Amino acid sequence: MREITKRRIFRTIHLVLAIPIIGYIYSPFAVLPDYAPATRFVFFPAIALSGLWMWKGHLVRRVFSKNPT
């Protein structure tokens, strides 16, 4: 798989998972308890990891590659 395809996949995942967080921020206070666990423990960590991977993933791949250059 080409690097540009991987980047597009991670970018899409990052943007799609941001939609529930936007709903959490702009929802009425009465429904916040419904969104809170999923937002805190699923969506936000997934967004953080995908963002870090897009930012510094090349360094992680270099560290774990079989032939370091």
N, C-alpha and C. Protein backbone atom coordinates (compact mmCIF):
# COMPACT_ATOMS: atom_id res chain seq x y z
N MET A 1 0.84 -1.16 0.00
CA MET A 1 0.00 0.00 0.00
C MET A 1 0.90 1.24 0.00
N ARG A 2 0.56 2.19 -0.81
CA ARG A 2 1.36 3.40 -0.91
C ARG A 2 1.16 4.29 0.31
N GLU A 3 2.14 5.14 0.57
CA GLU A 3 2.09 6.02 1.74
C GLU A 3 0.95 7.02 1.65
N ILE A 4 0.67 7.50 0.45
CA ILE A 4 -0.41 8.48 0.31
C ILE A 4 -1.77 7.83 0.62
N THR A 5 -1.92 6.56 0.28
CA THR A 5 -3.16 5.86 0.59
C THR A 5 -3.30 5.66 2.09
N LYS A 6 -2.22 5.30 2.76
CA LYS A 6 -2.25 5.16 4.22
C LYS A 6 -2.60 6.48 4.88
N ARG A 7 -2.00 7.55 4.38
CA ARG A 7 -2.28 8.87 4.97
C ARG A 7 -3.73 9.26 4.78
N ARG A 8 -4.29 8.98 3.63
CA ARG A 8 -5.70 9.29 3.38
C ARG A 8 -6.61 8.48 4.29
N ILE A 9 -6.27 7.22 4.53
CA ILE A 9 -7.06 6.38 5.42
C ILE A 9 -7.02 6.94 6.84
N PHE A 10 -5.84 7.28 7.33
CA PHE A 10 -5.73 7.84 8.68
C PHE A 10 -6.43 9.19 8.78
N ARG A 11 -6.34 10.01 7.76
CA ARG A 11 -7.02 11.30 7.78
C ARG A 11 -8.53 11.12 7.81
N THR A 12 -9.05 10.15 7.05
CA THR A 12 -10.47 9.89 7.04
C THR A 12 -10.94 9.38 8.40
N ILE A 13 -10.19 8.46 8.98
CA ILE A 13 -10.53 7.95 10.31
C ILE A 13 -10.53 9.10 11.32
N HIS A 14 -9.55 9.96 11.24
CA HIS A 14 -9.42 11.09 12.15
C HIS A 14 -10.63 12.02 12.03
N LEU A 15 -11.04 12.32 10.82
CA LEU A 15 -12.17 13.22 10.62
C LEU A 15 -13.50 12.58 10.99
N VAL A 16 -13.69 11.32 10.68
CA VAL A 16 -14.95 10.64 11.00
C VAL A 16 -15.11 10.51 12.51
N LEU A 17 -14.05 10.21 13.21
CA LEU A 17 -14.14 10.07 14.66
C LEU A 17 -14.29 11.42 15.36
N ALA A 18 -14.03 12.52 14.67
CA ALA A 18 -14.23 13.84 15.26
C ALA A 18 -15.69 14.24 15.29
N ILE A 19 -16.52 13.62 14.48
CA ILE A 19 -17.94 13.97 14.41
C ILE A 19 -18.64 13.75 15.76
N PRO A 20 -18.46 12.60 16.44
CA PRO A 20 -19.11 12.45 17.74
C PRO A 20 -18.60 13.44 18.79
N ILE A 21 -17.35 13.85 18.71
CA ILE A 21 -16.85 14.83 19.67
C ILE A 21 -17.50 16.18 19.44
N ILE A 22 -17.71 16.54 18.19
CA ILE A 22 -18.43 17.78 17.89
C ILE A 22 -19.85 17.70 18.43
N GLY A 23 -20.49 16.54 18.26
CA GLY A 23 -21.82 16.35 18.84
C GLY A 23 -21.81 16.44 20.35
N TYR A 24 -20.77 15.95 20.97
CA TYR A 24 -20.64 16.03 22.43
C TYR A 24 -20.50 17.47 22.88
N ILE A 25 -19.73 18.25 22.17
CA ILE A 25 -19.51 19.64 22.56
C ILE A 25 -20.77 20.47 22.38
N TYR A 26 -21.49 20.27 21.29
CA TYR A 26 -22.63 21.12 20.98
C TYR A 26 -23.97 20.53 21.40
N SER A 27 -24.00 19.42 22.12
CA SER A 27 -25.26 18.84 22.55
C SER A 27 -25.75 19.53 23.82
N PRO A 28 -27.04 19.44 24.09
CA PRO A 28 -27.57 20.03 25.32
C PRO A 28 -27.02 19.29 26.55
N PHE A 29 -27.00 19.98 27.66
CA PHE A 29 -26.43 19.40 28.88
C PHE A 29 -27.20 18.17 29.35
N ALA A 30 -28.46 18.05 29.00
CA ALA A 30 -29.26 16.92 29.46
C ALA A 30 -28.79 15.60 28.85
N VAL A 31 -28.23 15.62 27.66
CA VAL A 31 -27.82 14.37 27.01
C VAL A 31 -26.32 14.12 27.10
N LEU A 32 -25.59 14.96 27.80
CA LEU A 32 -24.14 14.76 27.94
C LEU A 32 -23.77 13.44 28.60
N PRO A 33 -24.47 12.99 29.63
CA PRO A 33 -24.10 11.69 30.21
C PRO A 33 -24.18 10.53 29.22
N ASP A 34 -25.01 10.64 28.20
CA ASP A 34 -25.10 9.58 27.19
C ASP A 34 -23.84 9.52 26.33
N TYR A 35 -23.26 10.66 26.03
CA TYR A 35 -22.09 10.73 25.15
C TYR A 35 -20.76 10.60 25.88
N ALA A 36 -20.75 10.92 27.16
CA ALA A 36 -19.48 11.07 27.89
C ALA A 36 -18.58 9.83 27.87
N PRO A 37 -19.05 8.63 28.23
CA PRO A 37 -18.11 7.49 28.27
C PRO A 37 -17.51 7.15 26.90
N ALA A 38 -18.34 7.14 25.89
CA ALA A 38 -17.83 6.81 24.56
C ALA A 38 -16.86 7.86 24.06
N THR A 39 -17.17 9.12 24.34
CA THR A 39 -16.28 10.19 23.90
C THR A 39 -14.95 10.15 24.63
N ARG A 40 -14.99 9.94 25.93
CA ARG A 40 -13.75 9.97 26.72
C ARG A 40 -12.86 8.76 26.48
N PHE A 41 -13.47 7.59 26.33
CA PHE A 41 -12.68 6.37 26.32
C PHE A 41 -12.52 5.73 24.94
N VAL A 42 -13.25 6.19 23.93
CA VAL A 42 -13.14 5.59 22.60
C VAL A 42 -12.73 6.64 21.56
N PHE A 43 -13.56 7.65 21.38
CA PHE A 43 -13.35 8.58 20.27
C PHE A 43 -12.12 9.46 20.47
N PHE A 44 -11.98 10.07 21.64
CA PHE A 44 -10.84 10.95 21.85
C PHE A 44 -9.50 10.23 21.80
N PRO A 45 -9.35 9.06 22.45
CA PRO A 45 -8.06 8.36 22.30
C PRO A 45 -7.77 7.93 20.86
N ALA A 46 -8.80 7.52 20.14
CA ALA A 46 -8.59 7.12 18.74
C ALA A 46 -8.17 8.32 17.90
N ILE A 47 -8.76 9.47 18.13
CA ILE A 47 -8.37 10.68 17.40
C ILE A 47 -6.95 11.08 17.76
N ALA A 48 -6.62 11.00 19.04
CA ALA A 48 -5.27 11.37 19.47
C ALA A 48 -4.23 10.44 18.84
N LEU A 49 -4.50 9.14 18.83
CA LEU A 49 -3.55 8.20 18.25
C LEU A 49 -3.41 8.37 16.74
N SER A 50 -4.54 8.58 16.06
CA SER A 50 -4.43 8.77 14.61
C SER A 50 -3.72 10.07 14.27
N GLY A 51 -3.95 11.11 15.07
CA GLY A 51 -3.25 12.37 14.85
C GLY A 51 -1.75 12.25 15.10
N LEU A 52 -1.40 11.57 16.18
CA LEU A 52 0.02 11.35 16.45
C LEU A 52 0.67 10.49 15.37
N TRP A 53 -0.06 9.50 14.88
CA TRP A 53 0.49 8.65 13.82
C TRP A 53 0.71 9.45 12.54
N MET A 54 -0.23 10.33 12.20
CA MET A 54 -0.04 11.15 11.01
C MET A 54 1.12 12.13 11.21
N TRP A 55 1.33 12.58 12.43
CA TRP A 55 2.37 13.55 12.70
C TRP A 55 3.75 12.91 12.81
N LYS A 56 3.87 11.85 13.61
CA LYS A 56 5.17 11.25 13.89
C LYS A 56 5.25 9.77 13.53
N GLY A 57 4.37 9.29 12.70
CA GLY A 57 4.37 7.88 12.34
C GLY A 57 5.61 7.46 11.57
N HIS A 58 6.17 8.37 10.81
CA HIS A 58 7.37 8.03 10.04
C HIS A 58 8.54 7.71 10.97
N LEU A 59 8.60 8.37 12.11
CA LEU A 59 9.67 8.07 13.07
C LEU A 59 9.45 6.72 13.75
N VAL A 60 8.19 6.40 14.04
CA VAL A 60 7.89 5.11 14.67
C VAL A 60 8.21 3.98 13.70
N ARG A 61 7.85 4.15 12.43
CA ARG A 61 8.17 3.12 11.44
C ARG A 61 9.67 2.96 11.28
N ARG A 62 10.42 4.04 11.36
CA ARG A 62 11.87 3.96 11.23
C ARG A 62 12.48 3.21 12.42
N VAL A 63 11.96 3.42 13.61
CA VAL A 63 12.49 2.75 14.80
C VAL A 63 12.23 1.26 14.73
N PHE A 64 11.05 0.86 14.27
CA PHE A 64 10.68 -0.54 14.25
C PHE A 64 10.95 -1.25 12.92
N SER A 65 11.60 -0.58 11.99
CA SER A 65 11.88 -1.23 10.71
C SER A 65 13.04 -2.22 10.87
N LYS A 66 13.11 -3.18 9.97
CA LYS A 66 14.13 -4.20 10.05
C LYS A 66 15.51 -3.69 9.64
N ASN A 67 15.54 -2.80 8.67
CA ASN A 67 16.84 -2.25 8.27
C ASN A 67 16.83 -0.74 8.47
N PRO A 68 17.34 -0.28 9.61
CA PRO A 68 17.36 1.15 9.86
C PRO A 68 18.32 1.88 8.93
N THR A 69 17.89 3.00 8.41
CA THR A 69 18.73 3.79 7.51
C THR A 69 19.01 5.15 8.08
